Amino acid sequence: IYLNQSIPLRMRTTVNQYNEPIYSTTNIQARFIYKRDIIRLATGEQVESKAIMYTTTEIQEGDQVTFDGKNWVIRFVYPHVFFDGTIMGYKGVL
């Protein structure tokens, strides 16, 4: 995977007294791809996904990335695992 894009990542770190998330921002190397797909949530609801991204930086559901001037919320994270069980990277569905 060619991680040739530097993308700002906003990671949820904690919550404030109003239970609102507080984020920290860092730039990560990633590959952002526009790709429409239908995904099914744990509730059974179907929603449209408009992009995916690949990175070697650990990401979590609910984190945000900025690409092409738009903020994207990471809905699902799939780790890419080697045969020996080590994680080589992550796929984020946005």
Protein backbone atom coordinates (compact mmCIF):
# COMPACT_ATOMS: atom_id res chain seq x y z
CA ILE A 1 0.00 0.00 0.00
CA TYR A 2 1.38 3.38 -0.95
CA LEU A 3 0.76 5.79 1.90
CA ASN A 4 1.62 8.90 -0.08
CA GLN A 5 -0.76 11.41 1.51
CA SER A 6 -0.31 13.40 4.72
CA ILE A 7 -3.74 13.65 6.35
CA PRO A 8 -4.68 15.45 9.60
CA LEU A 9 -6.13 12.98 12.13
CA ARG A 10 -8.23 14.17 15.07
CA MET A 11 -8.20 11.48 17.77
CA ARG A 12 -10.66 11.45 20.64
CA THR A 13 -8.61 11.70 23.83
CA THR A 14 -11.13 12.38 26.61
CA VAL A 15 -14.42 14.16 27.32
CA ASN A 16 -15.12 17.49 29.01
CA GLN A 17 -17.54 18.17 31.89
CA TYR A 18 -20.45 18.24 29.39
CA ASN A 19 -19.51 14.76 28.08
CA GLU A 20 -18.37 16.25 24.74
CA PRO A 21 -15.29 14.66 23.13
CA ILE A 22 -11.93 16.44 23.24
CA TYR A 23 -9.61 15.80 20.30
CA SER A 24 -5.87 15.96 19.69
CA THR A 25 -4.63 16.51 16.13
CA THR A 26 -1.65 14.98 14.35
CA ASN A 27 -0.69 14.37 10.70
CA ILE A 28 -0.47 10.75 9.54
CA GLN A 29 0.68 9.05 6.35
CA ALA A 30 -2.30 7.44 4.67
CA ARG A 31 -4.01 6.69 1.39
CA PHE A 32 -7.49 8.17 0.94
CA ILE A 33 -9.77 6.67 -1.70
CA TYR A 34 -13.24 7.85 -2.71
CA LYS A 35 -15.36 4.70 -2.86
CA ARG A 36 -19.10 4.45 -2.41
CA ASP A 37 -20.45 1.38 -0.66
CA ILE A 38 -23.40 0.31 1.47
CA ILE A 39 -22.47 -0.81 4.98
CA ARG A 40 -24.63 -2.37 7.68
CA LEU A 41 -24.41 -1.03 11.23
CA ALA A 42 -24.65 -3.24 14.31
CA THR A 43 -28.27 -2.09 14.65
CA GLY A 44 -29.06 -3.55 11.21
CA GLU A 45 -29.44 -0.12 9.60
CA GLN A 46 -27.82 0.30 6.18
CA VAL A 47 -25.88 3.51 5.51
CA GLU A 48 -23.77 4.75 2.62
CA SER A 49 -19.99 4.90 2.97
CA LYS A 50 -18.32 7.40 0.64
CA ALA A 51 -14.60 6.75 1.19
CA ILE A 52 -11.99 4.44 2.69
CA MET A 53 -8.48 5.08 3.94
CA TYR A 54 -5.44 2.93 4.67
CA THR A 55 -2.76 3.76 7.24
CA THR A 56 -0.20 2.16 9.52
CA THR A 57 -1.18 4.52 12.37
CA GLU A 58 -3.66 3.07 14.84
CA ILE A 59 -7.09 4.64 14.28
CA GLN A 60 -10.37 4.16 16.10
CA GLU A 61 -14.05 4.48 15.28
CA GLY A 62 -15.18 8.04 15.93
CA ASP A 63 -11.82 9.63 15.03
CA GLN A 64 -11.92 12.28 12.30
CA VAL A 65 -9.74 13.02 9.27
CA THR A 66 -9.70 16.06 7.02
CA PHE A 67 -9.33 15.54 3.28
CA ASP A 68 -10.17 17.89 0.38
CA GLY A 69 -11.41 20.46 2.89
CA LYS A 70 -14.01 18.12 4.38
CA ASN A 71 -14.10 16.47 7.81
CA TRP A 72 -14.75 12.72 7.65
CA VAL A 73 -15.74 10.53 10.63
CA ILE A 74 -14.23 7.05 10.75
CA ARG A 75 -17.19 4.66 11.09
CA PHE A 76 -15.42 1.29 11.09
CA VAL A 77 -11.82 0.15 11.48
CA TYR A 78 -10.50 -3.12 10.11
CA PRO A 79 -6.95 -4.14 11.09
CA HIS A 80 -4.79 -5.84 8.46
CA VAL A 81 -3.13 -8.77 10.23
CA PHE A 82 -0.08 -10.81 9.18
CA PHE A 83 -0.19 -14.61 9.47
CA ASP A 84 1.81 -14.40 12.71
CA GLY A 85 -0.85 -12.17 14.31
CA THR A 86 0.96 -8.82 14.10
CA ILE A 87 -0.95 -5.84 12.73
CA MET A 88 0.55 -4.32 9.57
CA GLY A 89 -1.99 -1.52 9.11
CA TYR A 90 -5.57 -0.36 9.32
CA LYS A 91 -8.47 0.22 6.92
CA GLY A 92 -10.88 2.96 7.94
CA VAL A 93 -14.37 3.17 6.44
CA LEU A 94 -15.68 6.73 6.27
